[in-house]
Amino acid sequence: MTSTVPFQLIDDDEFDWEAAVREIDVACETANNPSFTTINQASSSNFTPPVNIFNNSSYYSSTKTGTCKQSTLDKFIGKARPPVNPAVEVRHHQGNGIINSDERTCCVEIDAEAAKTWIYPVNVPLREYQLAITKTALFTNTLVALPTGLGKTLIAAVVMYNYFRWFPDGKIVFAAPSRPLVMQQIEACHNIVGIPQEWTIDMTGQVCPTKRACFWKSKRVFFVTPQVLEKDIQSGTCLAKHLVCLVIDEAHRASGNYSYCVAIRELLAIPVQLRILALTATPGSKQPAVQQIIDNLQISALEYRNESDPDVIPYVHDRKIELIEVALGKEAVDINKQLVEVIRPYVARLSTLGLLQNRDYQTLSPPDLLNSRDKFRRAPPLDLPQNRYGEIEACFGGLITLSHIRKLLSSHGIRPAYEMLEEKLKQGPFARLMSKNEDIWKVKLLMQQSLSHGAPSPKLSKMVEVLVDHFKTKDPQNSRVIIFSNFRGSVRDIMNTLATIGDLVKATEFIGQSSGKASKGQSQKVQQAVLQVFMLHSTF
């Protein structure tokens, strides 16, 4: 008999749903080779120990004990002294200690005279928190967690420029997953700190490997996608031993086998001496998620600021945040109950074998599933026959997919959840697992019946209500609205709903590029055109 289970919103906390579902059968285990204690196999008393995140703290602590493994290049450059008086054009800051007799395997030489100082620009207003973070990032592998709009781009540009000065033959890489982020950083490097354009190159997957190989030899500052960096390191095209600085944007993506993680592991194996600067506006709210980023990117210092910090408050724009809670419709609640019935037996099967740490099928989260699956892969039960391993993998994969469907249902409505379920039932491991499951077909039928009624999502109805009220008090010609959605599949439903008030708003969709089969997203030219339209009309 179907149990009555209250619908619970699944809190993903930065969980990468798309990657989890797409890579159900890919191991997320990162090899931890104890023979490499640092990226350059160095061990120095000056090195900062790896950061460890502790619970119940608004700031992140750096008191984890153990082998030092992440500070690099300290054998060349000592700790910075307090800033001296600024020069006319640039702020010069003194360093102390440049060359160490231990040459190890460094392929590029440092400019001893240039390394006596580090430079901070005076052509931008001085913000003390940016200066302090920059000072840390120059000499320690640092994760910078700073809200959007507070100047991560400037910090990265200053760090890149100083390594450009210090290592005349060194190569500096800025990696970001989206073109707008790359273009923003290129502009900062050229216009704020003045890195010569003839030394820089912007490389995407559209540039053929042969041309990229030439650029790796002739250029010094590279703006790349994570995938290009990964492929070129693996192929040997990238002159890895000449890398001295790597800046990683959107660092919260650095989990599992994402290209950032693979690239760092490849550099560890060479090994390579370089400074790593990781940037993010959303590091995650749970300790394990942040700790994973720190470990994967070899971070030894965390510079965290939020909008309420005293040194940041003067630069935060005033805004009013109103949280509107919208109750889910009865049909969505009924569908969720049926989904729980699908989930229950697979959880019971894994729990019986002792393979699940969290056995509550109502609250089981994707991170719980991934952690339990990885533990099984590392150390399967001794009494479990090997011919059952495939069955266990299928159960874990099926539960991850079902969790994703529940998330879509709770956050974006019935249609996106239905479209994913329909796609997964066509072929593949999930389709085979569910081929004889009557409950999953009941879920699909409930979804079809709900969609045939054409009842709008409660969230979309509330969205229309808010917009109508807004434009009753604001002149549509002088007011702009942006509606965000973290799932591209829901954009169509939003657009269709806005069409019902087309006399009030003129809406245009703006979606990023995608490697998925269903939708490739919009090209850069289309995105730029959409931005121009947004300047003229009212909703985006």
Protein backbone atom coordinates (compact mmCIF):
# COMPACT_ATOMS: atom_id res chain seq x y z
CA MET A 1 0.00 0.00 0.00
CA THR A 2 1.27 3.47 -0.82
CA SER A 3 2.44 5.33 2.26
CA THR A 4 1.62 8.96 2.86
CA VAL A 5 4.90 10.78 2.79
CA PRO A 6 5.05 14.58 3.12
CA PHE A 7 6.74 16.15 0.14
CA GLN A 8 10.23 17.26 1.03
CA LEU A 9 12.30 19.71 -0.94
CA ILE A 10 15.64 18.10 -1.65
CA ASP A 11 18.45 20.47 -0.72
CA ASP A 12 21.33 19.89 -3.10
CA ASP A 13 23.81 22.48 -1.70
CA GLU A 14 25.86 23.03 -4.84
CA PHE A 15 25.45 19.43 -5.96
CA ASP A 16 26.16 19.05 -9.66
CA TRP A 17 23.03 17.20 -10.70
CA GLU A 18 23.76 17.16 -14.41
CA ALA A 19 27.23 15.71 -13.92
CA ALA A 20 25.98 13.08 -11.51
CA VAL A 21 23.29 11.80 -13.84
CA ARG A 22 25.50 12.03 -16.91
CA GLU A 23 28.39 10.24 -15.25
CA ILE A 24 26.56 7.66 -13.18
CA ASP A 25 29.07 4.98 -14.08
CA VAL A 26 32.22 7.12 -13.75
CA ALA A 27 34.24 6.82 -10.56
CA CYS A 28 34.73 10.03 -8.64
CA GLU A 29 37.63 8.72 -6.58
CA THR A 30 40.73 10.91 -6.78
CA ALA A 31 43.96 9.02 -6.28
CA ASN A 32 45.95 10.36 -3.36
CA ASN A 33 49.57 9.47 -4.09
CA PRO A 34 51.51 9.89 -0.85
CA SER A 35 54.81 10.16 -2.73
CA PHE A 36 53.93 13.71 -3.79
CA THR A 37 53.67 16.02 -0.81
CA THR A 38 53.58 19.18 -2.93
CA ILE A 39 53.00 20.04 -6.52
CA ASN A 40 56.75 20.45 -6.81
CA GLN A 41 57.56 17.68 -4.31
CA ALA A 42 58.89 20.33 -1.97
CA SER A 43 58.73 20.29 1.79
CA SER A 44 59.65 23.51 3.53
CA SER A 45 59.12 24.98 6.95
CA ASN A 46 57.60 28.00 5.22
CA PHE A 47 54.82 25.95 3.68
CA THR A 48 51.26 26.44 4.86
CA PRO A 49 49.39 23.25 5.80
CA PRO A 50 46.30 22.22 3.87
CA VAL A 51 43.11 23.96 4.88
CA ASN A 52 40.52 21.93 6.77
CA ILE A 53 36.95 23.08 7.18
CA PHE A 54 35.30 22.78 10.56
CA ASN A 55 31.61 22.82 11.44
CA ASN A 56 29.80 25.65 13.19
CA SER A 57 32.03 28.42 11.95
CA SER A 58 31.11 31.38 9.83
CA TYR A 59 34.71 31.56 8.66
CA TYR A 60 36.85 28.76 7.38
CA SER A 61 39.74 27.65 9.53
CA SER A 62 43.17 26.56 8.37
CA THR A 63 44.35 24.35 11.19
CA LYS A 64 44.40 20.89 9.67
CA THR A 65 47.46 18.93 10.63
CA GLY A 66 49.37 16.61 8.38
CA THR A 67 51.86 16.82 5.57
CA CYS A 68 52.20 20.16 3.84
CA LYS A 69 51.23 19.71 0.24
CA GLN A 70 49.93 22.81 -1.42
CA SER A 71 52.11 25.89 -1.02
CA THR A 72 54.41 26.19 -4.00
CA LEU A 73 57.15 28.48 -5.32
CA ASP A 74 57.92 29.58 -1.76
CA LYS A 75 61.48 28.46 -2.35
CA PHE A 76 61.76 31.34 -4.81
CA ILE A 77 59.67 34.08 -3.23
CA GLY A 78 59.40 34.89 0.44
CA LYS A 79 56.49 36.35 2.39
CA ALA A 80 55.47 39.88 1.45
CA ARG A 81 56.26 42.76 3.73
CA PRO A 82 53.61 45.38 4.53
CA PRO A 83 52.86 47.68 1.58
CA VAL A 84 55.17 50.63 1.07
CA ASN A 85 54.15 54.00 -0.30
CA PRO A 86 52.69 53.73 -3.78
CA ALA A 87 54.64 54.84 -6.81
CA VAL A 88 53.23 57.27 -9.29
CA GLU A 89 51.86 54.66 -11.67
CA VAL A 90 51.89 51.44 -9.65
CA ARG A 91 52.10 50.32 -6.06
CA HIS A 92 55.37 48.46 -5.45
CA HIS A 93 55.50 46.07 -2.52
CA GLN A 94 58.73 44.64 -1.21
CA GLY A 95 59.42 40.93 -0.92
CA ASN A 96 62.13 39.27 1.16
CA GLY A 97 63.97 36.22 -0.03
CA ILE A 98 63.95 35.25 -3.66
CA ILE A 99 66.31 32.48 -4.62
CA ASN A 100 66.82 29.20 -2.83
CA SER A 101 69.75 26.94 -3.63
CA ASP A 102 67.39 24.02 -4.16
CA GLU A 103 66.83 24.04 -7.92
CA ARG A 104 64.77 20.81 -8.10
CA THR A 105 63.11 20.46 -11.52
CA CYS A 106 62.17 24.07 -12.30
CA CYS A 107 62.17 24.72 -16.05
CA VAL A 108 61.88 28.50 -15.85
CA GLU A 109 64.11 30.99 -14.11
CA ILE A 110 62.92 33.76 -11.88
CA ASP A 111 63.87 37.39 -12.45
CA ALA A 112 65.53 38.04 -9.09
CA GLU A 113 65.32 41.82 -9.40
CA ALA A 114 61.64 41.83 -10.41
CA ALA A 115 60.77 39.40 -7.62
CA LYS A 116 61.97 41.86 -4.99
CA THR A 117 58.68 43.69 -5.43
CA TRP A 118 55.11 42.97 -6.36
CA ILE A 119 52.93 45.50 -8.10
CA TYR A 120 49.37 46.56 -7.39
CA PRO A 121 47.63 49.01 -9.78
CA VAL A 122 46.74 52.57 -8.78
CA ASN A 123 44.50 53.15 -11.80
CA VAL A 124 41.60 51.58 -9.87
CA PRO A 125 40.20 52.64 -6.47
CA LEU A 126 41.95 50.85 -3.63
CA ARG A 127 39.84 48.38 -1.68
CA GLU A 128 41.62 47.01 1.37
CA TYR A 129 40.05 43.56 1.14
CA GLN A 130 41.20 43.18 -2.47
CA LEU A 131 44.73 44.19 -1.52
CA ALA A 132 44.79 41.79 1.44
CA ILE A 133 43.47 38.89 -0.63
CA THR A 134 45.95 39.61 -3.42
CA LYS A 135 48.84 39.56 -0.94
CA THR A 136 47.77 36.10 0.23
CA ALA A 137 47.17 34.77 -3.27
CA LEU A 138 50.61 35.79 -4.50
CA PHE A 139 52.42 33.55 -2.04
CA THR A 140 49.97 30.78 -1.18
CA ASN A 141 47.62 28.54 -3.16
CA THR A 142 44.38 30.33 -2.36
CA LEU A 143 40.65 29.80 -2.76
CA VAL A 144 38.95 33.20 -2.99
CA ALA A 145 35.27 33.06 -2.08
CA LEU A 146 33.87 36.49 -2.83
CA PRO A 147 30.31 37.47 -3.82
CA THR A 148 29.67 38.40 -7.43
CA GLY A 149 30.59 41.97 -8.31
CA LEU A 150 33.19 42.48 -5.58
CA GLY A 151 36.32 42.20 -7.68
CA LYS A 152 37.63 38.67 -8.11
CA THR A 153 38.65 39.64 -11.65
CA LEU A 154 41.00 42.36 -10.40
CA ILE A 155 42.62 40.04 -7.87
CA ALA A 156 43.26 37.44 -10.55
CA ALA A 157 44.67 40.04 -12.95
CA VAL A 158 47.14 41.35 -10.36
CA VAL A 159 48.36 37.87 -9.45
CA MET A 160 48.75 36.94 -13.12
CA TYR A 161 50.64 40.14 -13.89
CA ASN A 162 53.15 39.69 -11.08
CA TYR A 163 53.92 36.13 -12.12
CA PHE A 164 54.27 37.46 -15.66
CA ARG A 165 56.93 39.85 -14.31
CA TRP A 166 58.69 37.40 -12.01
CA PHE A 167 59.08 34.59 -14.54
CA PRO A 168 60.01 36.01 -17.99
CA ASP A 169 59.78 32.56 -19.58
CA GLY A 170 56.91 31.26 -17.46
CA LYS A 171 53.40 30.56 -18.68
CA ILE A 172 50.25 31.78 -16.94
CA VAL A 173 46.85 30.16 -17.49
CA PHE A 174 43.37 31.47 -16.73
CA ALA A 175 40.68 28.78 -17.04
CA ALA A 176 36.94 29.46 -17.04
CA PRO A 177 33.96 27.43 -18.28
CA SER A 178 32.13 30.28 -20.03
CA ARG A 179 33.10 32.84 -22.64
CA PRO A 180 31.78 35.93 -20.81
CA LEU A 181 34.01 35.13 -17.83
CA VAL A 182 37.02 34.69 -20.10
CA MET A 183 36.38 37.94 -21.96
CA GLN A 184 35.98 39.82 -18.67
CA GLN A 185 39.36 38.54 -17.47
CA ILE A 186 41.08 39.34 -20.77
CA GLU A 187 39.84 42.92 -20.55
CA ALA A 188 41.12 43.25 -16.96
CA CYS A 189 44.54 41.85 -17.84
CA HIS A 190 44.96 44.23 -20.77
CA ASN A 191 43.32 47.40 -19.47
CA ILE A 192 43.96 47.33 -15.72
CA VAL A 193 47.37 45.72 -15.25
CA GLY A 194 48.68 46.11 -18.79
CA ILE A 195 49.76 42.61 -19.80
CA PRO A 196 50.85 43.06 -23.45
CA GLN A 197 48.31 41.68 -25.90
CA GLU A 198 51.00 40.14 -28.08
CA TRP A 199 51.78 37.68 -25.28
CA THR A 200 48.20 36.54 -24.72
CA ILE A 201 45.95 34.08 -26.52
CA ASP A 202 42.34 33.01 -26.08
CA MET A 203 41.95 29.30 -26.85
CA THR A 204 38.75 27.25 -26.98
CA GLY A 205 37.95 23.83 -28.33
CA GLN A 206 37.26 25.50 -31.68
CA VAL A 207 41.02 26.06 -32.12
CA CYS A 208 42.56 22.95 -33.65
CA PRO A 209 45.19 21.06 -31.58
CA THR A 210 47.95 21.88 -34.08
CA LYS A 211 47.42 25.63 -33.70
CA ARG A 212 47.13 25.27 -29.93
CA ALA A 213 50.51 23.51 -29.88
CA CYS A 214 52.07 26.49 -31.66
CA PHE A 215 50.44 28.94 -29.27
CA TRP A 216 51.66 27.03 -26.21
CA LYS A 217 55.20 27.57 -27.50
CA SER A 218 54.91 31.18 -28.62
CA LYS A 219 52.56 32.80 -26.07
CA ARG A 220 52.83 33.32 -22.32
CA VAL A 221 49.33 34.11 -21.02
CA PHE A 222 46.52 31.73 -21.94
CA PHE A 223 42.77 32.03 -21.52
CA VAL A 224 41.28 28.56 -21.92
CA THR A 225 38.30 26.39 -21.12
CA PRO A 226 38.79 23.64 -18.52
CA GLN A 227 38.40 20.98 -21.21
CA VAL A 228 41.13 22.48 -23.41
CA LEU A 229 43.49 22.67 -20.43
CA GLU A 230 42.82 19.04 -19.53
CA LYS A 231 43.28 17.74 -23.08
CA ASP A 232 46.43 19.73 -23.79
CA ILE A 233 48.10 18.65 -20.55
CA GLN A 234 47.26 15.01 -21.24
CA SER A 235 48.48 15.18 -24.84
CA GLY A 236 51.68 16.99 -23.91
CA THR A 237 50.74 19.96 -26.08
CA CYS A 238 50.74 22.23 -23.04
CA LEU A 239 54.29 22.92 -21.86
CA ALA A 240 53.30 21.94 -18.34
CA LYS A 241 56.71 22.39 -16.71
CA HIS A 242 56.72 26.02 -17.84
CA LEU A 243 53.47 26.79 -15.99
CA VAL A 244 54.02 29.13 -13.06
CA CYS A 245 50.48 30.35 -12.33
CA LEU A 246 47.07 28.75 -12.85
CA VAL A 247 43.88 30.71 -12.14
CA ILE A 248 40.70 28.63 -11.89
CA ASP A 249 37.39 30.46 -12.19
CA GLU A 250 34.09 28.93 -11.06
CA ALA A 251 36.15 26.76 -8.72
CA HIS A 252 33.05 25.25 -7.09
CA ARG A 253 32.87 22.97 -10.13
CA ALA A 254 36.06 21.20 -9.03
CA SER A 255 34.58 17.90 -7.94
CA GLY A 256 34.78 14.35 -9.19
CA ASN A 257 36.27 14.02 -12.66
CA TYR A 258 35.55 17.56 -13.81
CA SER A 259 38.32 18.87 -16.07
CA TYR A 260 39.77 21.09 -13.32
CA CYS A 261 40.36 18.05 -11.10
CA VAL A 262 41.84 15.96 -13.90
CA ALA A 263 44.21 18.77 -14.92
CA ILE A 264 45.49 19.24 -11.36
CA ARG A 265 46.03 15.50 -10.97
CA GLU A 266 48.01 15.44 -14.21
CA LEU A 267 50.17 18.33 -12.99
CA LEU A 268 50.75 16.58 -9.67
CA ALA A 269 51.98 13.50 -11.48
CA ILE A 270 54.56 15.36 -13.60
CA PRO A 271 55.25 17.17 -11.07
CA VAL A 272 54.92 20.90 -11.74
CA GLN A 273 55.78 23.97 -9.64
CA LEU A 274 53.10 26.62 -9.89
CA ARG A 275 50.84 28.95 -7.99
CA ILE A 276 47.12 28.08 -7.96
CA LEU A 277 44.44 30.73 -7.47
CA ALA A 278 40.85 29.47 -7.36
CA LEU A 279 37.87 31.83 -7.61
CA THR A 280 34.22 31.31 -6.74
CA ALA A 281 31.18 33.24 -5.60
CA THR A 282 29.50 30.09 -4.28
CA PRO A 283 31.94 27.72 -2.55
CA GLY A 284 29.12 25.67 -1.01
CA SER A 285 27.38 25.73 2.34
CA LYS A 286 28.40 22.30 3.60
CA GLN A 287 31.80 21.36 4.94
CA PRO A 288 32.38 18.28 2.72
CA ALA A 289 31.67 20.22 -0.48
CA VAL A 290 34.13 22.99 0.36
CA GLN A 291 36.73 20.56 1.66
CA GLN A 292 36.55 18.63 -1.60
CA ILE A 293 37.33 21.79 -3.58
CA ILE A 294 40.25 22.56 -1.29
CA ASP A 295 41.68 19.06 -1.61
CA ASN A 296 41.13 18.75 -5.36
CA LEU A 297 42.77 22.09 -6.14
CA GLN A 298 45.65 21.80 -3.64
CA ILE A 299 44.51 24.87 -1.70
CA SER A 300 46.31 25.97 1.46
CA ALA A 301 44.58 29.29 2.24
CA LEU A 302 40.96 30.36 2.07
CA GLU A 303 40.05 34.04 1.68
CA TYR A 304 36.33 34.25 2.39
CA ARG A 305 34.17 37.36 2.46
CA ASN A 306 30.43 37.80 2.51
CA GLU A 307 28.36 40.90 2.01
CA SER A 308 28.11 41.59 5.74
CA ASP A 309 31.87 41.71 6.37
CA PRO A 310 32.99 45.19 7.51
CA ASP A 311 35.60 45.63 4.77
CA VAL A 312 33.09 44.63 2.08
CA ILE A 313 29.93 46.46 3.19
CA PRO A 314 30.93 49.85 1.65
CA TYR A 315 30.98 48.27 -1.81
CA VAL A 316 27.72 46.31 -1.65
CA HIS A 317 24.72 47.80 -3.44
CA ASP A 318 21.57 48.20 -1.40
CA ARG A 319 18.92 45.67 -2.24
CA LYS A 320 15.82 44.19 -0.72
CA ILE A 321 15.44 40.43 -0.61
CA GLU A 322 11.97 38.99 -0.19
CA LEU A 323 11.52 35.23 0.00
CA ILE A 324 8.18 34.05 -1.32
CA GLU A 325 7.33 30.45 -0.47
CA VAL A 326 4.99 28.82 -2.96
CA ALA A 327 3.17 25.65 -2.00
CA LEU A 328 3.32 22.83 -4.52
CA GLY A 329 0.13 21.78 -6.18
CA LYS A 330 -1.73 18.62 -5.17
CA GLU A 331 -0.76 16.87 -8.41
CA ALA A 332 2.96 17.40 -7.79
CA VAL A 333 2.60 16.09 -4.23
CA ASP A 334 0.85 12.95 -5.51
CA ILE A 335 3.57 12.38 -8.10
CA ASN A 336 6.26 12.73 -5.45
CA LYS A 337 4.54 10.15 -3.25
CA GLN A 338 4.58 7.70 -6.13
CA LEU A 339 8.25 8.47 -6.82
CA VAL A 340 9.05 7.63 -3.20
CA GLU A 341 7.42 4.25 -3.73
CA VAL A 342 9.76 3.68 -6.67
CA ILE A 343 12.78 4.64 -4.57
CA ARG A 344 11.92 2.58 -1.48
CA PRO A 345 12.79 -0.99 -2.68
CA TYR A 346 16.16 0.04 -4.15
CA VAL A 347 17.13 1.76 -0.91
CA ALA A 348 16.03 -1.33 1.02
CA ARG A 349 18.13 -3.57 -1.22
CA LEU A 350 21.29 -1.52 -0.73
CA SER A 351 20.63 -1.08 2.99
CA THR A 352 20.28 -4.84 3.48
CA LEU A 353 23.77 -5.25 2.03
CA GLY A 354 25.12 -2.53 4.34
CA LEU A 355 25.94 -0.23 1.43
CA LEU A 356 24.02 2.90 2.48
CA GLN A 357 25.05 5.17 5.34
CA ASN A 358 21.75 7.06 5.23
CA ARG A 359 18.92 4.54 5.02
CA ASP A 360 16.05 7.05 5.12
CA TYR A 361 14.65 6.84 1.60
CA GLN A 362 12.70 10.08 2.11
CA THR A 363 15.76 12.25 2.81
CA LEU A 364 18.48 10.36 0.96
CA SER A 365 20.50 12.91 -1.02
CA PRO A 366 22.69 12.51 -4.12
CA PRO A 367 25.89 13.19 -2.12
CA ASP A 368 24.87 10.37 0.22
CA LEU A 369 24.45 8.09 -2.78
CA LEU A 370 27.72 9.09 -4.41
CA ASN A 371 29.69 8.68 -1.19
CA SER A 372 28.16 5.27 -0.54
CA ARG A 373 28.77 4.17 -4.12
CA ASP A 374 32.41 5.26 -3.99
CA LYS A 375 32.87 3.43 -0.69
CA PHE A 376 31.43 0.29 -2.30
CA ARG A 377 33.81 0.61 -5.24
CA ARG A 378 36.80 0.98 -2.96
CA ALA A 379 35.89 -1.85 -0.61
CA PRO A 380 32.99 -4.08 -1.71
CA PRO A 381 31.67 -6.50 0.93
CA LEU A 382 33.79 -9.64 1.03
CA ASP A 383 30.72 -11.89 1.04
CA LEU A 384 29.18 -10.22 -2.03
CA PRO A 385 29.70 -12.24 -5.24
CA GLN A 386 31.43 -10.26 -7.96
CA ASN A 387 28.68 -11.10 -10.44
CA ARG A 388 26.34 -8.88 -8.37
CA TYR A 389 28.49 -5.77 -8.70
CA GLY A 390 26.63 -4.70 -11.84
CA GLU A 391 23.31 -4.96 -10.01
CA ILE A 392 24.62 -2.73 -7.21
CA GLU A 393 25.93 -0.13 -9.68
CA ALA A 394 22.54 -0.11 -11.41
CA CYS A 395 20.76 0.49 -8.09
CA PHE A 396 23.01 3.43 -7.22
CA GLY A 397 22.64 4.89 -10.71
CA GLY A 398 18.87 4.49 -10.67
CA LEU A 399 18.56 6.20 -7.30
CA ILE A 400 20.67 9.15 -8.46
CA THR A 401 18.44 9.59 -11.50
CA LEU A 402 15.26 9.33 -9.41
CA SER A 403 16.65 11.92 -6.99
CA HIS A 404 17.30 14.26 -9.90
CA ILE A 405 13.72 13.80 -11.13
CA ARG A 406 12.41 14.63 -7.65
CA LYS A 407 14.56 17.75 -7.62
CA LEU A 408 13.18 18.88 -10.97
CA LEU A 409 9.65 18.22 -9.75
CA SER A 410 10.09 20.27 -6.59
CA SER A 411 12.05 23.15 -8.13
CA HIS A 412 10.81 23.44 -11.70
CA GLY A 413 7.51 21.65 -11.95
CA ILE A 414 5.99 18.60 -13.57
CA ARG A 415 6.97 19.20 -17.19
CA PRO A 416 10.79 19.22 -16.72
CA ALA A 417 10.54 16.18 -14.44
CA TYR A 418 8.40 14.38 -17.00
CA GLU A 419 10.72 15.19 -19.88
CA MET A 420 13.72 13.79 -18.03
CA LEU A 421 11.84 10.65 -16.98
CA GLU A 422 10.64 10.07 -20.53
CA GLU A 423 14.17 10.48 -21.89
CA LYS A 424 15.72 8.13 -19.33
CA LEU A 425 13.10 5.44 -19.95
CA LYS A 426 13.95 5.22 -23.66
CA GLN A 427 17.27 3.41 -23.32
CA GLY A 428 20.30 2.93 -21.10
CA PRO A 429 20.90 1.51 -17.61
CA PHE A 430 17.94 3.32 -16.05
CA ALA A 431 15.54 2.04 -18.70
CA ARG A 432 16.75 -1.53 -18.16
CA LEU A 433 16.46 -1.21 -14.39
CA MET A 434 12.90 0.13 -14.61
CA SER A 435 11.65 -2.10 -17.42
CA LYS A 436 9.46 -4.20 -15.08
CA ASN A 437 8.79 -1.59 -12.41
CA GLU A 438 5.07 -0.85 -12.35
CA ASP A 439 5.41 2.09 -9.97
CA ILE A 440 7.57 4.11 -12.37
CA TRP A 441 4.96 3.75 -15.09
CA LYS A 442 2.33 4.98 -12.63
CA VAL A 443 4.52 8.04 -12.08
CA LYS A 444 4.73 8.66 -15.81
CA LEU A 445 0.97 8.27 -16.19
CA LEU A 446 0.28 10.74 -13.37
CA MET A 447 2.60 13.24 -15.02
CA GLN A 448 0.93 12.82 -18.41
CA GLN A 449 -2.53 13.30 -16.91
CA SER A 450 -1.44 16.44 -15.09
CA LEU A 451 0.14 17.95 -18.19
CA SER A 452 -2.93 17.18 -20.29
CA HIS A 453 -5.03 19.28 -17.91
CA GLY A 454 -2.84 22.27 -18.69
CA ALA A 455 -2.84 23.50 -15.10
CA PRO A 456 -0.07 26.10 -14.62
CA SER A 457 2.70 25.55 -12.11
CA PRO A 458 2.01 27.39 -8.83
CA LYS A 459 5.43 29.03 -9.08
CA LEU A 460 4.73 30.32 -12.59
CA SER A 461 1.35 31.67 -11.50
CA LYS A 462 3.04 33.50 -8.64
CA MET A 463 5.68 34.83 -11.03
CA VAL A 464 2.98 36.39 -13.22
CA GLU A 465 1.30 37.90 -10.18
CA VAL A 466 4.57 39.50 -9.02
CA LEU A 467 5.33 40.89 -12.47
CA VAL A 468 1.87 42.37 -12.94
CA ASP A 469 2.07 44.05 -9.53
CA HIS A 470 5.55 45.36 -10.33
CA PHE A 471 4.60 46.99 -13.61
CA LYS A 472 1.49 48.52 -12.09
CA THR A 473 3.79 50.75 -10.05
CA LYS A 474 6.79 50.97 -12.40
CA ASP A 475 6.98 52.44 -15.87
CA PRO A 476 7.71 49.51 -18.24
CA GLN A 477 9.87 51.81 -20.35
CA ASN A 478 12.18 52.53 -17.41
CA SER A 479 12.14 49.25 -15.53
CA ARG A 480 13.86 45.96 -16.31
CA VAL A 481 13.27 42.48 -14.89
CA ILE A 482 15.53 39.43 -14.93
CA ILE A 483 14.07 36.01 -14.14
CA PHE A 484 16.72 33.43 -13.26
CA SER A 485 16.39 29.68 -13.56
CA ASN A 486 19.18 27.18 -12.92
CA PHE A 487 17.59 24.64 -15.26
CA ARG A 488 17.47 25.47 -18.95
CA GLY A 489 14.49 23.17 -19.52
CA SER A 490 12.25 25.42 -17.43
CA VAL A 491 13.03 28.53 -19.50
CA ARG A 492 10.54 27.44 -22.15
CA ASP A 493 7.73 27.15 -19.59
CA ILE A 494 8.62 30.59 -18.23
CA MET A 495 8.53 32.08 -21.73
CA ASN A 496 5.18 30.45 -22.52
CA THR A 497 3.72 31.79 -19.29
CA LEU A 498 5.02 35.30 -19.95
CA ALA A 499 3.33 35.20 -23.34
CA THR A 500 0.00 35.36 -21.50
CA ILE A 501 0.86 38.90 -20.38
CA GLY A 502 2.59 39.89 -23.59
CA ASP A 503 0.86 43.26 -23.64
CA LEU A 504 2.71 44.10 -20.43
CA VAL A 505 6.17 42.59 -20.99
CA LYS A 506 8.37 41.74 -23.96
CA ALA A 507 10.37 38.71 -22.89
CA THR A 508 13.52 37.24 -24.45
CA GLU A 509 15.28 34.07 -23.38
CA PHE A 510 18.99 34.09 -22.61
CA ILE A 511 20.62 30.69 -22.19
CA GLY A 512 24.22 29.57 -22.26
CA GLN A 513 25.79 27.07 -24.61
CA SER A 514 25.46 23.37 -23.93
CA SER A 515 27.02 20.12 -25.04
CA GLY A 516 23.74 18.25 -24.57
CA LYS A 517 21.89 16.56 -27.38
CA ALA A 518 18.55 18.25 -26.83
CA SER A 519 19.66 21.86 -26.97
CA LYS A 520 22.93 23.52 -27.93
CA GLY A 521 21.91 26.80 -26.34
CA GLN A 522 22.70 30.18 -27.86
CA SER A 523 25.86 31.25 -29.65
CA GLN A 524 27.91 34.16 -28.35
CA LYS A 525 26.56 36.43 -31.10
CA VAL A 526 22.97 35.56 -30.22
CA GLN A 527 23.65 36.19 -26.54
CA GLN A 528 25.11 39.61 -27.32
CA ALA A 529 22.07 40.44 -29.43
CA VAL A 530 19.78 39.39 -26.58
CA LEU A 531 21.61 41.74 -24.22
CA GLN A 532 21.01 44.59 -26.65
CA VAL A 533 17.31 43.71 -26.76
CA PHE A 534 17.20 43.73 -22.97
CA MET A 535 18.31 47.36 -22.99
CA LEU A 536 15.20 48.19 -24.99
CA HIS A 537 12.51 45.97 -23.47
CA SER A 538 11.36 45.00 -20.03
CA THR A 539 11.91 41.33 -19.21
CA PHE A 540 14.87 39.00 -19.57
